[in-house]
């Protein structure tokens, strides 16, 4: 995840991704600029779109 500069950024991403139907858990690591999402039946596209909606950029790794 790029563009995060503070804890509020991480919280915003976590909240937006957490609102996606089927997402069970979101762990955003500000220091590592990484996010781990646990979900059931959620596409990568839906997660990436939620990150974009929050105002940030993410790539799948």
Protein backbone atom coordinates (compact mmCIF):
# COMPACT_ATOMS: atom_id res chain seq x y z
CA UNK A 1 0.00 0.00 0.00
CA UNK A 2 1.49 3.32 -0.96
CA UNK A 3 0.57 6.79 0.21
CA UNK A 4 0.18 6.01 3.91
CA UNK A 5 1.89 8.50 6.20
CA UNK A 6 0.23 8.00 9.59
CA UNK A 7 -1.97 5.79 11.72
CA UNK A 8 -5.07 7.58 10.47
CA UNK A 9 -4.17 6.50 6.92
CA UNK A 10 -3.93 2.88 8.03
CA UNK A 11 -7.24 3.18 9.90
CA UNK A 12 -8.97 4.64 6.83
CA UNK A 13 -7.78 1.78 4.64
CA UNK A 14 -8.72 -0.81 7.24
CA UNK A 15 -12.21 0.64 7.58
CA UNK A 16 -12.83 0.89 3.82
CA UNK A 17 -11.57 -2.63 3.08
CA UNK A 18 -13.36 -4.00 6.14
CA UNK A 19 -16.66 -2.74 4.70
CA UNK A 20 -16.32 -5.03 1.65
CA UNK A 21 -18.80 -7.90 1.93
CA UNK A 22 -16.95 -11.12 2.74
CA UNK A 23 -13.90 -9.51 4.34
CA UNK A 24 -13.33 -11.10 7.74
CA UNK A 25 -10.16 -9.30 8.88
CA UNK A 26 -7.81 -6.56 7.73
CA UNK A 27 -4.32 -5.99 9.10
CA UNK A 28 -2.58 -2.84 7.88
CA UNK A 29 1.11 -2.45 8.76
CA UNK A 30 2.04 1.22 8.35
CA UNK A 31 5.80 0.71 8.86
CA UNK A 32 6.01 -2.05 6.24
CA UNK A 33 3.41 -0.42 3.93
CA UNK A 34 1.63 -3.79 3.76
CA UNK A 35 -1.88 -5.04 4.23
CA UNK A 36 -3.13 -8.57 4.82
CA UNK A 37 -6.79 -9.33 4.17
CA UNK A 38 -8.60 -12.47 5.27
CA UNK A 39 -11.80 -13.01 3.37
CA UNK A 40 -14.26 -15.48 1.97
CA UNK A 41 -15.11 -15.13 -1.70
CA UNK A 42 -13.74 -11.61 -2.15
CA UNK A 43 -11.87 -10.80 -5.35
CA UNK A 44 -8.54 -9.02 -5.37
CA UNK A 45 -10.21 -6.38 -7.53
CA UNK A 46 -12.76 -5.60 -4.80
CA UNK A 47 -10.02 -5.16 -2.20
CA UNK A 48 -7.88 -2.99 -4.49
CA UNK A 49 -10.94 -0.90 -5.40
CA UNK A 50 -11.65 -0.30 -1.70
CA UNK A 51 -8.07 0.86 -1.15
CA UNK A 52 -8.41 3.22 -4.11
CA UNK A 53 -11.71 4.50 -2.70
CA UNK A 54 -9.89 5.31 0.53
CA UNK A 55 -7.43 7.41 -1.51
CA UNK A 56 -4.42 5.10 -1.62
CA UNK A 57 -2.74 2.72 -4.06
CA UNK A 58 -2.15 -0.99 -3.55
CA UNK A 59 -0.74 -3.87 -5.53
CA UNK A 60 -1.16 -7.57 -4.93
CA UNK A 61 1.92 -9.46 -3.81
